[in-house]
């Protein structure tokens, strides 16, 4: 009897936690924000939300992010997988749009959820030995080559840079395909 009661309590707790996480994301109305710069990555259609930004939350010993990273609690719209989503104009910050601490926020039109561009491009190339010259040509940061897969993973010098070079890079004749890494469906472990 005690075992059945314990299992029931655990299942109810898990169900409520999952429901609360989904409800928090669904209750945040991202339709009211302007959308721009559309792109397709991993066969998903995304639109940039230029009025929003994501920043990594400061972590306490508990491992949970805190909102002090952005100032007043009212500025944070959503805590999303260790990132804090806020409106750009409401947060007083010395950071520029090219900050390495500010991540672009995108909207997935199919799932009606947001995603975060982390500043990584996954590029399939005809010849991965050209990766270094491409990194220099487009002023990208570091890269890692996987020659057997004909794939190179480039990191931007700042997260928004990958949005700036995505279209131009995809038209380069040495490129087979380009994907922007977007973090979506993030949940913090219990």
N, C-alpha and C. Protein backbone atom coordinates (compact mmCIF):
# COMPACT_ATOMS: atom_id res chain seq x y z
N UNK A 1 0.81 -1.19 0.00
CA UNK A 1 0.00 0.00 0.00
C UNK A 1 0.86 1.26 0.00
N UNK A 2 1.90 1.26 0.86
CA UNK A 2 2.79 2.42 0.92
C UNK A 2 3.53 2.61 -0.40
N UNK A 3 3.91 1.52 -1.04
CA UNK A 3 4.60 1.58 -2.32
C UNK A 3 3.69 2.18 -3.39
N UNK A 4 2.46 1.76 -3.43
CA UNK A 4 1.50 2.29 -4.39
C UNK A 4 1.28 3.78 -4.16
N UNK A 5 1.15 4.19 -2.91
CA UNK A 5 0.99 5.59 -2.57
C UNK A 5 2.21 6.41 -3.02
N UNK A 6 3.41 5.91 -2.76
CA UNK A 6 4.65 6.60 -3.14
C UNK A 6 4.75 6.75 -4.65
N UNK A 7 4.45 5.69 -5.37
CA UNK A 7 4.51 5.73 -6.83
C UNK A 7 3.49 6.73 -7.37
N UNK A 8 2.31 6.75 -6.80
CA UNK A 8 1.27 7.68 -7.22
C UNK A 8 1.71 9.13 -7.00
N UNK A 9 2.28 9.41 -5.87
CA UNK A 9 2.76 10.76 -5.56
C UNK A 9 3.86 11.16 -6.55
N UNK A 10 4.78 10.28 -6.84
CA UNK A 10 5.87 10.58 -7.77
C UNK A 10 5.30 10.87 -9.16
N UNK A 11 4.39 10.05 -9.63
CA UNK A 11 3.79 10.26 -10.95
C UNK A 11 3.03 11.57 -11.02
N UNK A 12 2.30 11.92 -9.99
CA UNK A 12 1.58 13.20 -9.97
C UNK A 12 2.57 14.35 -10.01
N UNK A 13 3.64 14.25 -9.23
CA UNK A 13 4.66 15.30 -9.19
C UNK A 13 5.30 15.49 -10.57
N UNK A 14 5.67 14.39 -11.23
CA UNK A 14 6.27 14.47 -12.56
C UNK A 14 5.31 15.08 -13.58
N UNK A 15 4.05 14.67 -13.52
CA UNK A 15 3.04 15.19 -14.43
C UNK A 15 2.85 16.69 -14.23
N UNK A 16 2.76 17.13 -12.99
CA UNK A 16 2.58 18.55 -12.71
C UNK A 16 3.80 19.37 -13.13
N UNK A 17 4.99 18.83 -12.90
CA UNK A 17 6.22 19.54 -13.30
C UNK A 17 6.27 19.68 -14.81
N UNK A 18 6.00 18.63 -15.55
CA UNK A 18 6.00 18.69 -17.01
C UNK A 18 4.94 19.65 -17.50
N UNK A 19 3.74 19.61 -16.92
CA UNK A 19 2.66 20.49 -17.30
C UNK A 19 3.04 21.94 -17.04
N UNK A 20 3.67 22.22 -15.91
CA UNK A 20 4.07 23.59 -15.57
C UNK A 20 5.11 24.11 -16.55
N UNK A 21 6.08 23.28 -16.94
CA UNK A 21 7.09 23.71 -17.89
C UNK A 21 6.46 24.03 -19.24
N UNK A 22 5.55 23.19 -19.71
CA UNK A 22 4.88 23.43 -20.99
C UNK A 22 3.98 24.65 -20.90
N UNK A 23 3.26 24.80 -19.80
CA UNK A 23 2.35 25.91 -19.62
C UNK A 23 3.11 27.23 -19.61
N UNK A 24 4.28 27.27 -18.98
CA UNK A 24 5.09 28.48 -18.92
C UNK A 24 5.46 28.92 -20.33
N UNK A 25 5.87 27.99 -21.18
CA UNK A 25 6.25 28.34 -22.54
C UNK A 25 5.02 28.74 -23.35
N UNK A 26 3.91 28.04 -23.18
CA UNK A 26 2.72 28.33 -23.95
C UNK A 26 2.09 29.66 -23.54
N UNK A 27 2.21 30.04 -22.27
CA UNK A 27 1.61 31.28 -21.81
C UNK A 27 2.38 32.52 -22.24
N UNK A 28 3.60 32.37 -22.67
CA UNK A 28 4.36 33.50 -23.15
C UNK A 28 3.99 33.72 -24.61
N UNK A 29 3.38 34.84 -24.92
CA UNK A 29 2.87 35.11 -26.25
C UNK A 29 3.96 35.73 -27.13
N UNK A 30 4.57 34.90 -27.96
CA UNK A 30 5.63 35.40 -28.83
C UNK A 30 5.10 35.91 -30.15
N UNK A 31 3.80 35.75 -30.40
CA UNK A 31 3.20 36.25 -31.64
C UNK A 31 3.21 37.77 -31.71
N UNK A 32 3.24 38.44 -30.57
CA UNK A 32 3.19 39.90 -30.56
C UNK A 32 4.51 40.54 -30.98
N UNK A 33 5.59 39.75 -31.08
CA UNK A 33 6.88 40.30 -31.43
C UNK A 33 7.11 40.26 -32.94
N UNK A 34 7.77 41.29 -33.42
CA UNK A 34 8.11 41.39 -34.85
C UNK A 34 9.01 40.23 -35.26
N UNK A 35 8.76 39.70 -36.44
CA UNK A 35 9.58 38.61 -36.97
C UNK A 35 10.32 39.11 -38.20
N UNK A 36 11.57 38.68 -38.33
CA UNK A 36 12.37 39.06 -39.50
C UNK A 36 13.35 37.94 -39.81
N UNK A 37 14.12 38.09 -40.86
CA UNK A 37 15.17 37.17 -41.26
C UNK A 37 14.75 35.71 -41.11
N UNK A 38 14.04 35.24 -42.08
CA UNK A 38 13.60 33.85 -42.08
C UNK A 38 14.70 32.95 -42.63
N UNK A 39 14.81 31.75 -42.07
CA UNK A 39 15.76 30.77 -42.57
C UNK A 39 15.24 29.37 -42.27
N UNK A 40 15.74 28.41 -43.04
CA UNK A 40 15.38 27.01 -42.82
C UNK A 40 16.63 26.30 -42.33
N UNK A 41 16.50 25.61 -41.22
CA UNK A 41 17.60 24.83 -40.67
C UNK A 41 17.05 23.50 -40.20
N UNK A 42 17.68 22.43 -40.63
CA UNK A 42 17.26 21.07 -40.29
C UNK A 42 15.78 20.85 -40.65
N UNK A 43 15.41 21.38 -41.81
CA UNK A 43 14.07 21.27 -42.38
C UNK A 43 13.00 21.92 -41.52
N UNK A 44 13.38 22.90 -40.72
CA UNK A 44 12.45 23.64 -39.88
C UNK A 44 12.55 25.12 -40.25
N UNK A 45 11.42 25.77 -40.40
CA UNK A 45 11.34 27.17 -40.79
C UNK A 45 11.39 28.03 -39.53
N UNK A 46 12.40 28.90 -39.44
CA UNK A 46 12.56 29.79 -38.28
C UNK A 46 12.47 31.25 -38.72
N UNK A 47 12.00 32.09 -37.81
CA UNK A 47 12.00 33.54 -38.00
C UNK A 47 12.72 34.16 -36.81
N UNK A 48 13.60 35.10 -37.09
CA UNK A 48 14.31 35.81 -36.03
C UNK A 48 13.35 36.74 -35.31
N UNK A 49 13.45 36.80 -34.00
CA UNK A 49 12.69 37.75 -33.18
C UNK A 49 13.68 38.83 -32.72
N UNK A 50 13.86 39.89 -33.53
CA UNK A 50 14.91 40.87 -33.24
C UNK A 50 14.71 41.69 -31.97
N UNK A 51 13.49 41.71 -31.42
CA UNK A 51 13.23 42.46 -30.20
C UNK A 51 13.61 41.69 -28.94
N UNK A 52 13.93 40.39 -29.11
CA UNK A 52 14.25 39.55 -27.96
C UNK A 52 15.71 39.12 -27.98
N UNK A 53 16.21 38.76 -26.81
CA UNK A 53 17.56 38.21 -26.70
C UNK A 53 17.57 37.16 -25.61
N UNK A 54 18.56 36.30 -25.68
CA UNK A 54 18.75 35.29 -24.64
C UNK A 54 20.15 35.47 -24.07
N UNK A 55 20.26 35.29 -22.78
CA UNK A 55 21.56 35.32 -22.12
C UNK A 55 21.62 34.15 -21.16
N UNK A 56 22.81 33.63 -20.98
CA UNK A 56 22.96 32.54 -20.02
C UNK A 56 22.75 33.11 -18.63
N UNK A 57 21.96 32.38 -17.81
CA UNK A 57 21.71 32.83 -16.45
C UNK A 57 22.90 32.53 -15.56
N UNK A 58 23.14 33.40 -14.58
CA UNK A 58 24.15 33.08 -13.56
C UNK A 58 23.66 31.88 -12.78
N UNK A 59 24.55 31.02 -12.37
CA UNK A 59 24.13 29.81 -11.68
C UNK A 59 24.49 29.87 -10.20
N UNK A 60 23.55 29.40 -9.42
CA UNK A 60 23.80 29.23 -7.99
C UNK A 60 24.39 27.84 -7.76
N UNK A 61 24.71 27.52 -6.54
CA UNK A 61 25.21 26.17 -6.22
C UNK A 61 24.19 25.10 -6.59
N UNK A 62 22.91 25.48 -6.58
CA UNK A 62 21.86 24.51 -6.92
C UNK A 62 21.86 24.17 -8.40
N UNK A 63 22.55 24.99 -9.21
CA UNK A 63 22.59 24.73 -10.65
C UNK A 63 21.48 25.42 -11.41
N UNK A 64 20.60 26.14 -10.71
CA UNK A 64 19.51 26.81 -11.39
C UNK A 64 19.92 28.24 -11.73
N UNK A 65 19.48 28.77 -12.90
CA UNK A 65 19.85 30.12 -13.28
C UNK A 65 19.16 31.16 -12.40
N UNK A 66 19.77 32.31 -12.27
CA UNK A 66 19.17 33.39 -11.52
C UNK A 66 18.91 34.56 -12.45
N UNK A 67 17.97 35.40 -12.08
CA UNK A 67 17.62 36.52 -12.93
C UNK A 67 18.46 37.76 -12.64
N UNK A 68 19.34 37.71 -11.65
CA UNK A 68 20.19 38.87 -11.37
C UNK A 68 21.11 39.20 -12.55
N UNK A 69 21.33 38.23 -13.42
CA UNK A 69 22.20 38.45 -14.58
C UNK A 69 21.65 39.56 -15.46
N UNK A 70 20.33 39.76 -15.45
CA UNK A 70 19.72 40.76 -16.31
C UNK A 70 19.16 41.95 -15.55
N UNK A 71 19.26 41.99 -14.28
CA UNK A 71 18.74 43.12 -13.53
C UNK A 71 17.43 42.77 -12.86
N UNK A 72 16.45 43.64 -13.02
CA UNK A 72 15.16 43.48 -12.35
C UNK A 72 14.41 42.26 -12.86
N UNK A 73 13.69 41.63 -11.95
CA UNK A 73 12.97 40.40 -12.29
C UNK A 73 11.93 40.62 -13.37
N UNK A 74 11.35 41.81 -13.46
CA UNK A 74 10.32 42.09 -14.45
C UNK A 74 10.84 42.08 -15.87
N UNK A 75 12.14 42.16 -16.07
CA UNK A 75 12.72 42.19 -17.41
C UNK A 75 12.78 40.81 -18.06
N UNK A 76 12.75 39.76 -17.29
CA UNK A 76 12.89 38.41 -17.81
C UNK A 76 11.51 37.89 -18.19
N UNK A 77 11.35 37.50 -19.45
CA UNK A 77 10.09 36.95 -19.93
C UNK A 77 9.97 35.47 -19.61
N UNK A 78 11.12 34.77 -19.70
CA UNK A 78 11.09 33.33 -19.60
C UNK A 78 12.46 32.80 -19.23
N UNK A 79 12.50 31.84 -18.32
CA UNK A 79 13.72 31.07 -18.08
C UNK A 79 13.59 29.83 -18.92
N UNK A 80 14.56 29.60 -19.80
CA UNK A 80 14.42 28.57 -20.83
C UNK A 80 15.71 27.78 -20.95
N UNK A 81 15.78 26.64 -20.25
CA UNK A 81 16.93 25.75 -20.35
C UNK A 81 18.25 26.40 -19.96
N UNK A 82 18.28 27.18 -18.92
CA UNK A 82 19.52 27.84 -18.49
C UNK A 82 19.74 29.18 -19.15
N UNK A 83 18.86 29.57 -20.07
CA UNK A 83 18.92 30.88 -20.71
C UNK A 83 17.80 31.75 -20.16
N UNK A 84 18.05 33.05 -20.13
CA UNK A 84 17.04 34.02 -19.71
C UNK A 84 16.64 34.82 -20.93
N UNK A 85 15.36 34.78 -21.28
CA UNK A 85 14.85 35.48 -22.45
C UNK A 85 14.28 36.81 -21.98
N UNK A 86 14.67 37.90 -22.67
CA UNK A 86 14.18 39.22 -22.30
C UNK A 86 14.04 40.07 -23.55
N UNK A 87 13.34 41.20 -23.39
CA UNK A 87 13.24 42.16 -24.48
C UNK A 87 14.51 42.99 -24.49
N UNK A 88 15.03 43.27 -25.68
CA UNK A 88 16.29 44.01 -25.79
C UNK A 88 16.17 45.42 -25.25
N UNK A 89 15.08 46.11 -25.55
CA UNK A 89 14.97 47.51 -25.14
C UNK A 89 14.65 47.69 -23.67
N UNK A 90 14.23 46.66 -22.96
CA UNK A 90 13.87 46.79 -21.55
C UNK A 90 15.04 46.54 -20.62
N UNK A 91 16.10 45.95 -21.12
CA UNK A 91 17.24 45.63 -20.28
C UNK A 91 18.32 46.66 -20.53
N UNK A 92 18.70 47.34 -19.49
CA UNK A 92 19.79 48.30 -19.63
C UNK A 92 21.10 47.55 -19.56
N UNK A 93 21.81 47.58 -20.67
CA UNK A 93 23.03 46.78 -20.73
C UNK A 93 24.07 47.51 -21.56
N UNK A 94 25.34 47.31 -21.21
CA UNK A 94 26.42 47.89 -21.99
C UNK A 94 26.81 47.00 -23.16
N UNK A 95 26.15 45.87 -23.30
CA UNK A 95 26.51 44.92 -24.35
C UNK A 95 25.96 45.37 -25.69
N UNK A 96 26.68 45.05 -26.74
CA UNK A 96 26.23 45.38 -28.08
C UNK A 96 25.57 44.16 -28.69
N UNK A 97 24.98 44.32 -29.89
CA UNK A 97 24.35 43.19 -30.59
C UNK A 97 25.39 42.14 -30.95
N UNK A 98 26.66 42.53 -30.98
CA UNK A 98 27.72 41.59 -31.32
C UNK A 98 28.39 41.03 -30.07
N UNK A 99 27.65 41.00 -28.99
CA UNK A 99 28.17 40.49 -27.73
C UNK A 99 28.24 38.97 -27.76
N UNK A 100 29.29 38.43 -27.17
CA UNK A 100 29.40 36.98 -27.09
C UNK A 100 28.49 36.41 -26.01
N UNK A 101 27.84 37.29 -25.24
CA UNK A 101 26.96 36.84 -24.17
C UNK A 101 25.49 36.96 -24.53
N UNK A 102 25.20 37.49 -25.72
CA UNK A 102 23.82 37.70 -26.15
C UNK A 102 23.51 36.79 -27.33
N UNK A 103 22.47 35.98 -27.18
CA UNK A 103 22.12 34.99 -28.20
C UNK A 103 20.81 35.39 -28.88
N UNK A 104 20.76 35.29 -30.22
CA UNK A 104 19.51 35.60 -30.93
C UNK A 104 18.41 34.59 -30.58
N UNK A 105 17.18 35.07 -30.57
CA UNK A 105 16.02 34.24 -30.30
C UNK A 105 15.23 34.10 -31.60
N UNK A 106 14.84 32.87 -31.92
CA UNK A 106 14.08 32.61 -33.14
C UNK A 106 12.76 31.94 -32.79
N UNK A 107 11.83 31.96 -33.74
CA UNK A 107 10.50 31.39 -33.55
C UNK A 107 10.29 30.29 -34.57
N UNK A 108 9.90 29.10 -34.10
CA UNK A 108 9.61 27.96 -34.96
C UNK A 108 8.12 28.04 -35.31
N UNK A 109 7.82 28.30 -36.58
CA UNK A 109 6.43 28.49 -36.97
C UNK A 109 5.62 27.19 -36.89
N UNK A 110 6.26 26.05 -37.01
CA UNK A 110 5.54 24.77 -36.94
C UNK A 110 5.14 24.43 -35.50
N UNK A 111 6.10 24.48 -34.58
CA UNK A 111 5.81 24.10 -33.20
C UNK A 111 5.28 25.27 -32.37
N UNK A 112 5.38 26.50 -32.91
CA UNK A 112 4.97 27.71 -32.19
C UNK A 112 5.78 27.92 -30.92
N UNK A 113 7.06 27.50 -30.95
CA UNK A 113 7.95 27.67 -29.81
C UNK A 113 9.17 28.47 -30.23
N UNK A 114 9.88 28.95 -29.22
CA UNK A 114 11.11 29.69 -29.51
C UNK A 114 12.31 28.75 -29.50
N UNK A 115 13.38 29.25 -30.09
CA UNK A 115 14.66 28.56 -30.08
C UNK A 115 15.75 29.59 -29.88
N UNK A 116 16.94 29.12 -29.58
CA UNK A 116 18.07 30.02 -29.34
C UNK A 116 19.20 29.65 -30.29
N UNK A 117 19.69 30.65 -31.03
CA UNK A 117 20.82 30.45 -31.94
C UNK A 117 22.09 30.55 -31.10
N UNK A 118 22.87 29.47 -31.06
CA UNK A 118 24.03 29.43 -30.17
C UNK A 118 25.34 29.83 -30.85
N UNK A 119 25.29 30.14 -32.14
CA UNK A 119 26.51 30.62 -32.81
C UNK A 119 27.33 29.54 -33.47
N UNK A 120 26.69 28.44 -33.87
CA UNK A 120 27.39 27.33 -34.51
C UNK A 120 26.76 27.03 -35.86
N UNK A 121 27.62 26.82 -36.86
CA UNK A 121 27.18 26.40 -38.19
C UNK A 121 27.68 25.00 -38.46
N UNK A 122 26.82 24.13 -38.96
CA UNK A 122 27.22 22.78 -39.35
C UNK A 122 27.23 22.79 -40.87
N UNK A 123 28.41 22.63 -41.46
CA UNK A 123 28.59 22.82 -42.90
C UNK A 123 29.09 21.53 -43.54
N UNK A 124 28.35 21.06 -44.54
CA UNK A 124 28.81 19.92 -45.35
C UNK A 124 29.53 20.51 -46.55
N UNK A 125 30.77 20.06 -46.76
CA UNK A 125 31.62 20.62 -47.81
C UNK A 125 32.08 19.53 -48.77
N UNK A 126 32.39 19.95 -49.98
CA UNK A 126 32.97 19.01 -50.94
C UNK A 126 34.39 18.66 -50.54
N UNK A 127 35.12 19.64 -50.01
CA UNK A 127 36.51 19.44 -49.62
C UNK A 127 36.76 20.14 -48.28
N UNK A 128 36.85 19.38 -47.19
CA UNK A 128 37.01 19.99 -45.87
C UNK A 128 38.37 20.65 -45.66
N UNK A 129 39.31 20.41 -46.57
CA UNK A 129 40.61 21.08 -46.44
C UNK A 129 40.49 22.59 -46.70
N UNK A 130 39.36 23.02 -47.25
CA UNK A 130 39.13 24.45 -47.49
C UNK A 130 38.52 25.17 -46.28
N UNK A 131 38.35 24.45 -45.19
CA UNK A 131 37.69 25.02 -44.00
C UNK A 131 38.42 26.23 -43.46
N UNK A 132 39.73 26.16 -43.39
CA UNK A 132 40.49 27.28 -42.84
C UNK A 132 40.33 28.54 -43.69
N UNK A 133 40.37 28.38 -45.00
CA UNK A 133 40.21 29.56 -45.87
C UNK A 133 38.79 30.13 -45.76
N UNK A 134 37.79 29.26 -45.59
CA UNK A 134 36.41 29.76 -45.39
C UNK A 134 36.28 30.50 -44.07
N UNK A 135 36.90 29.98 -43.02
CA UNK A 135 36.85 30.65 -41.71
C UNK A 135 37.46 32.05 -41.81
N UNK A 136 38.56 32.17 -42.54
CA UNK A 136 39.18 33.49 -42.72
C UNK A 136 38.32 34.39 -43.60
N UNK A 137 37.80 33.84 -44.70
CA UNK A 137 36.99 34.61 -45.65
C UNK A 137 35.77 35.23 -44.98
N UNK A 138 35.11 34.47 -44.10
CA UNK A 138 33.89 34.94 -43.45
C UNK A 138 34.11 35.41 -42.01
N UNK A 139 35.37 35.52 -41.61
CA UNK A 139 35.75 35.99 -40.26
C UNK A 139 35.08 35.19 -39.15
N UNK A 140 35.00 33.88 -39.35
CA UNK A 140 34.43 33.01 -38.33
C UNK A 140 35.48 32.68 -37.27
N UNK A 141 35.04 32.21 -36.15
CA UNK A 141 35.95 31.83 -35.07
C UNK A 141 36.54 30.46 -35.33
N UNK A 142 36.52 29.64 -34.33
CA UNK A 142 37.13 28.31 -34.42
C UNK A 142 36.29 27.36 -35.26
N UNK A 143 36.91 26.25 -35.67
CA UNK A 143 36.19 25.22 -36.40
C UNK A 143 36.78 23.86 -36.11
N UNK A 144 35.96 22.84 -36.32
CA UNK A 144 36.39 21.45 -36.17
C UNK A 144 35.98 20.71 -37.43
N UNK A 145 36.93 20.00 -38.04
CA UNK A 145 36.67 19.27 -39.28
C UNK A 145 36.46 17.79 -39.01
N UNK A 146 35.50 17.22 -39.72
CA UNK A 146 35.25 15.78 -39.69
C UNK A 146 35.34 15.31 -41.14
N UNK A 147 36.56 14.99 -41.58
CA UNK A 147 36.80 14.72 -43.00
C UNK A 147 36.04 13.51 -43.52
N UNK A 148 35.88 12.48 -42.73
CA UNK A 148 35.13 11.30 -43.19
C UNK A 148 33.66 11.61 -43.45
N UNK A 149 33.14 12.61 -42.79
CA UNK A 149 31.75 13.01 -42.95
C UNK A 149 31.59 14.20 -43.90
N UNK A 150 32.72 14.73 -44.40
CA UNK A 150 32.71 15.94 -45.24
C UNK A 150 31.98 17.08 -44.52
N UNK A 151 32.20 17.18 -43.23
CA UNK A 151 31.49 18.15 -42.40
C UNK A 151 32.47 18.97 -41.57
N UNK A 152 32.16 20.26 -41.47
CA UNK A 152 32.94 21.16 -40.62
C UNK A 152 31.96 21.90 -39.72
N UNK A 153 32.29 22.02 -38.44
CA UNK A 153 31.48 22.77 -37.50
C UNK A 153 32.22 24.06 -37.19
N UNK A 154 31.63 25.18 -37.62
CA UNK A 154 32.21 26.50 -37.40
C UNK A 154 31.52 27.17 -36.22
N UNK A 155 32.29 27.90 -35.43
CA UNK A 155 31.74 28.74 -34.36
C UNK A 155 31.92 30.19 -34.76
N UNK A 156 30.88 30.98 -34.57
CA UNK A 156 31.00 32.40 -34.83
C UNK A 156 31.78 33.08 -33.72
N UNK A 157 32.30 34.25 -34.02
CA UNK A 157 33.00 35.02 -32.98
C UNK A 157 32.01 35.54 -31.94
N UNK A 158 30.77 35.70 -32.35
CA UNK A 158 29.65 36.04 -31.47
C UNK A 158 28.44 35.30 -32.03
N UNK A 159 27.46 34.94 -31.21
CA UNK A 159 26.37 34.08 -31.67
C UNK A 159 25.59 34.60 -32.89
N UNK A 160 25.32 35.90 -32.97
CA UNK A 160 24.53 36.44 -34.07
C UNK A 160 25.29 36.43 -35.40
N UNK A 161 26.59 36.22 -35.36
CA UNK A 161 27.38 36.24 -36.60
C UNK A 161 26.92 35.16 -37.57
N UNK A 162 26.50 34.01 -37.08
CA UNK A 162 26.09 32.93 -37.97
C UNK A 162 24.88 33.32 -38.80
N UNK A 163 24.01 34.18 -38.26
CA UNK A 163 22.87 34.68 -39.03
C UNK A 163 23.34 35.61 -40.14
N UNK A 164 24.40 36.38 -39.86
CA UNK A 164 24.94 37.32 -40.84
C UNK A 164 25.57 36.62 -42.04
N UNK A 165 26.23 35.49 -41.80
CA UNK A 165 26.98 34.81 -42.88
C UNK A 165 26.25 33.61 -43.47
N UNK A 166 25.13 33.22 -42.90
CA UNK A 166 24.42 32.00 -43.32
C UNK A 166 24.10 31.99 -44.81
N UNK A 167 23.43 33.02 -45.30
CA UNK A 167 22.99 33.03 -46.70
C UNK A 167 24.18 33.10 -47.65
N UNK A 168 25.15 33.95 -47.37
CA UNK A 168 26.33 34.08 -48.23
C UNK A 168 27.13 32.79 -48.25
N UNK A 169 27.31 32.19 -47.10
CA UNK A 169 28.06 30.95 -47.00
C UNK A 169 27.36 29.81 -47.74
N UNK A 170 26.04 29.78 -47.68
CA UNK A 170 25.31 28.69 -48.36
C UNK A 170 25.40 28.80 -49.88
N UNK A 171 25.75 29.98 -50.40
CA UNK A 171 25.90 30.16 -51.85
C UNK A 171 27.32 29.89 -52.33
N UNK A 172 28.24 29.66 -51.41
CA UNK A 172 29.63 29.39 -51.77
C UNK A 172 29.69 28.07 -52.55
N UNK A 173 30.42 28.02 -53.67
CA UNK A 173 30.44 26.80 -54.49
C UNK A 173 31.07 25.58 -53.82
N UNK A 174 31.87 25.77 -52.79
CA UNK A 174 32.50 24.62 -52.13
C UNK A 174 31.60 24.00 -51.05
N UNK A 175 30.41 24.58 -50.85
CA UNK A 175 29.50 24.16 -49.79
C UNK A 175 28.37 23.30 -50.35
N UNK A 176 28.11 22.18 -49.70
CA UNK A 176 26.97 21.33 -50.06
C UNK A 176 25.72 21.80 -49.31
N UNK A 177 25.85 21.99 -48.00
CA UNK A 177 24.72 22.48 -47.19
C UNK A 177 25.23 23.18 -45.94
N UNK A 178 24.39 24.07 -45.41
CA UNK A 178 24.71 24.81 -44.18
C UNK A 178 23.50 24.75 -43.26
N UNK A 179 23.74 24.43 -42.00
CA UNK A 179 22.69 24.40 -40.98
C UNK A 179 23.11 25.27 -39.81
N UNK A 180 22.17 26.06 -39.30
CA UNK A 180 22.41 26.85 -38.09
C UNK A 180 21.94 26.01 -36.90
N UNK A 181 22.78 25.89 -35.88
CA UNK A 181 22.38 25.14 -34.70
C UNK A 181 21.42 25.98 -33.86
N UNK A 182 20.22 25.45 -33.66
CA UNK A 182 19.20 26.12 -32.86
C UNK A 182 18.81 25.20 -31.71
N UNK A 183 18.90 25.71 -30.50
CA UNK A 183 18.47 24.95 -29.32
C UNK A 183 16.98 25.19 -29.12
N UNK A 184 16.24 24.10 -29.11
CA UNK A 184 14.79 24.19 -28.96
C UNK A 184 14.35 23.04 -28.06
N UNK A 185 13.21 23.17 -27.45
CA UNK A 185 12.67 22.15 -26.55
C UNK A 185 13.61 21.88 -25.37
N UNK A 186 14.13 22.94 -24.79
CA UNK A 186 15.04 22.80 -23.65
C UNK A 186 14.25 22.67 -22.36
N UNK A 187 14.65 21.72 -21.54
CA UNK A 187 14.05 21.59 -20.22
C UNK A 187 15.15 21.34 -19.21
N UNK A 188 15.01 21.99 -18.07
CA UNK A 188 15.97 21.79 -16.99
C UNK A 188 15.67 20.48 -16.31
N UNK A 189 16.68 19.70 -15.95
CA UNK A 189 16.41 18.46 -15.23
C UNK A 189 15.82 18.76 -13.85
N UNK A 190 15.06 17.81 -13.35
CA UNK A 190 14.42 17.99 -12.03
C UNK A 190 15.42 17.93 -10.91
